[in-house]
């Protein structure tokens, strides 16, 4: 019996670190979903992955709780990299 493919969610996955993490996880055989609202990340960072059948991009915010819960329920691992940059206090 073969090893089951890991399902991984990366929030903020269109950022520099998230996009490189997605690329590595795909190369390791994982199925990768990325959530990013593109407020600081760039679609161009994940464009090269879009034709991979195990890559899924969702343009949405992590504050969209119902959508986020649906995506988390499908995954084995979540890398939470979404963050607001330069927050003023």
C-alpha atoms as a PDB file:
ATOM      1  CA  UNK A   1       0.000   0.000   0.000  1.00  0.00           C
ATOM      2  CA  UNK A   2       1.397   3.414  -1.008  1.00  0.00           C
ATOM      3  CA  UNK A   3       2.021   6.365   1.222  1.00  0.00           C
ATOM      4  CA  UNK A   4      -0.918   8.819   1.390  1.00  0.00           C
ATOM      5  CA  UNK A   5      -0.278  12.238  -0.111  1.00  0.00           C
ATOM      6  CA  UNK A   6      -0.114  14.945   2.569  1.00  0.00           C
ATOM      7  CA  UNK A   7      -2.569  17.812   2.149  1.00  0.00           C
ATOM      8  CA  UNK A   8      -1.070  21.101   3.218  1.00  0.00           C
ATOM      9  CA  UNK A   9      -2.526  24.602   3.547  1.00  0.00           C
ATOM     10  CA  UNK A  10      -0.321  27.692   3.486  1.00  0.00           C
ATOM     11  CA  UNK A  11      -1.901  30.977   4.525  1.00  0.00           C
ATOM     12  CA  UNK A  12      -0.020  33.916   3.052  1.00  0.00           C
ATOM     13  CA  UNK A  13       1.301  31.501   0.450  1.00  0.00           C
ATOM     14  CA  UNK A  14       1.775  34.122  -2.270  1.00  0.00           C
ATOM     15  CA  UNK A  15       4.450  35.869  -0.239  1.00  0.00           C
ATOM     16  CA  UNK A  16       8.161  35.277  -0.716  1.00  0.00           C
ATOM     17  CA  UNK A  17       8.536  32.628   1.987  1.00  0.00           C
ATOM     18  CA  UNK A  18       5.138  30.996   1.426  1.00  0.00           C
ATOM     19  CA  UNK A  19       5.636  30.613  -2.320  1.00  0.00           C
ATOM     20  CA  UNK A  20       9.023  28.965  -1.863  1.00  0.00           C
ATOM     21  CA  UNK A  21       7.591  26.682   0.825  1.00  0.00           C
ATOM     22  CA  UNK A  22       4.765  25.695  -1.547  1.00  0.00           C
ATOM     23  CA  UNK A  23       7.268  24.906  -4.294  1.00  0.00           C
ATOM     24  CA  UNK A  24       9.327  22.697  -1.972  1.00  0.00           C
ATOM     25  CA  UNK A  25       6.299  20.853  -0.577  1.00  0.00           C
ATOM     26  CA  UNK A  26       5.015  20.160  -4.095  1.00  0.00           C
ATOM     27  CA  UNK A  27       8.444  18.821  -5.057  1.00  0.00           C
ATOM     28  CA  UNK A  28       8.231  16.519  -2.026  1.00  0.00           C
ATOM     29  CA  UNK A  29       4.913  15.127  -3.309  1.00  0.00           C
ATOM     30  CA  UNK A  30       2.387  17.024  -1.189  1.00  0.00           C
ATOM     31  CA  UNK A  31      -0.906  18.496  -2.321  1.00  0.00           C
ATOM     32  CA  UNK A  32      -0.692  22.207  -1.523  1.00  0.00           C
ATOM     33  CA  UNK A  33      -3.447  24.788  -1.131  1.00  0.00           C
ATOM     34  CA  UNK A  34      -2.543  28.444  -0.776  1.00  0.00           C
ATOM     35  CA  UNK A  35      -4.768  31.146   0.670  1.00  0.00           C
ATOM     36  CA  UNK A  36      -3.709  34.737   0.098  1.00  0.00           C
ATOM     37  CA  UNK A  37      -5.684  37.953  -0.347  1.00  0.00           C
ATOM     38  CA  UNK A  38      -2.737  39.458  -2.270  1.00  0.00           C
ATOM     39  CA  UNK A  39      -2.643  42.512  -0.011  1.00  0.00           C
ATOM     40  CA  UNK A  40       1.103  42.019   0.464  1.00  0.00           C
ATOM     41  CA  UNK A  41       1.778  38.783  -1.432  1.00  0.00           C
ATOM     42  CA  UNK A  42       1.952  38.648  -5.210  1.00  0.00           C
ATOM     43  CA  UNK A  43       0.299  36.195  -7.569  1.00  0.00           C
ATOM     44  CA  UNK A  44       3.461  36.327  -9.670  1.00  0.00           C
ATOM     45  CA  UNK A  45       5.210  34.451  -6.825  1.00  0.00           C
ATOM     46  CA  UNK A  46       2.974  31.389  -7.362  1.00  0.00           C
ATOM     47  CA  UNK A  47       2.232  31.744 -11.082  1.00  0.00           C
ATOM     48  CA  UNK A  48       4.855  29.120 -11.921  1.00  0.00           C
ATOM     49  CA  UNK A  49       2.945  26.578  -9.772  1.00  0.00           C
ATOM     50  CA  UNK A  50      -0.526  27.077 -11.275  1.00  0.00           C
ATOM     51  CA  UNK A  51      -0.209  24.247 -13.815  1.00  0.00           C
ATOM     52  CA  UNK A  52       0.754  21.702 -11.163  1.00  0.00           C
ATOM     53  CA  UNK A  53      -2.272  19.429 -10.590  1.00  0.00           C
ATOM     54  CA  UNK A  54      -1.542  19.279  -6.849  1.00  0.00           C
ATOM     55  CA  UNK A  55      -1.490  23.065  -6.372  1.00  0.00           C
ATOM     56  CA  UNK A  56      -4.590  25.097  -5.499  1.00  0.00           C
ATOM     57  CA  UNK A  57      -4.721  28.878  -5.112  1.00  0.00           C
ATOM     58  CA  UNK A  58      -7.549  30.658  -3.286  1.00  0.00           C
ATOM     59  CA  UNK A  59      -7.670  34.459  -3.369  1.00  0.00           C
ATOM     60  CA  UNK A  60      -9.298  35.137  -0.031  1.00  0.00           C
ATOM     61  CA  UNK A  61      -8.553  36.587   3.354  1.00  0.00           C
ATOM     62  CA  UNK A  62      -7.798  34.547   6.445  1.00  0.00           C
ATOM     63  CA  UNK A  63     -10.424  36.630   8.253  1.00  0.00           C
ATOM     64  CA  UNK A  64     -13.082  34.959   6.065  1.00  0.00           C
ATOM     65  CA  UNK A  65     -13.687  32.408   8.811  1.00  0.00           C
ATOM     66  CA  UNK A  66     -16.172  30.075   7.043  1.00  0.00           C
ATOM     67  CA  UNK A  67     -13.921  29.734   3.982  1.00  0.00           C
ATOM     68  CA  UNK A  68     -10.819  29.292   6.121  1.00  0.00           C
ATOM     69  CA  UNK A  69     -12.495  26.576   8.213  1.00  0.00           C
ATOM     70  CA  UNK A  70     -13.490  24.682   5.048  1.00  0.00           C
ATOM     71  CA  UNK A  71      -9.911  24.727   3.769  1.00  0.00           C
ATOM     72  CA  UNK A  72      -8.425  23.741   7.134  1.00  0.00           C
ATOM     73  CA  UNK A  73     -10.821  20.786   7.382  1.00  0.00           C
ATOM     74  CA  UNK A  74      -9.370  19.374   4.132  1.00  0.00           C
ATOM     75  CA  UNK A  75      -5.748  19.535   5.284  1.00  0.00           C
ATOM     76  CA  UNK A  76      -3.326  17.556   7.420  1.00  0.00           C
ATOM     77  CA  UNK A  77      -0.933  20.446   8.078  1.00  0.00           C
ATOM     78  CA  UNK A  78      -1.344  24.240   8.125  1.00  0.00           C
ATOM     79  CA  UNK A  79       1.540  26.688   7.774  1.00  0.00           C
ATOM     80  CA  UNK A  80       0.192  30.047   8.926  1.00  0.00           C
ATOM     81  CA  UNK A  81       2.303  32.730   7.269  1.00  0.00           C
ATOM     82  CA  UNK A  82      -0.383  35.367   6.660  1.00  0.00           C
ATOM     83  CA  UNK A  83       0.479  38.612   8.400  1.00  0.00           C
ATOM     84  CA  UNK A  84      -0.149  42.311   8.183  1.00  0.00           C
ATOM     85  CA  UNK A  85       3.138  44.032   7.426  1.00  0.00           C
ATOM     86  CA  UNK A  86       4.049  47.320   9.088  1.00  0.00           C
ATOM     87  CA  UNK A  87       1.239  47.433  11.639  1.00  0.00           C
ATOM     88  CA  UNK A  88       1.008  50.836  13.344  1.00  0.00           C
ATOM     89  CA  UNK A  89       0.472  50.848  17.101  1.00  0.00           C
END
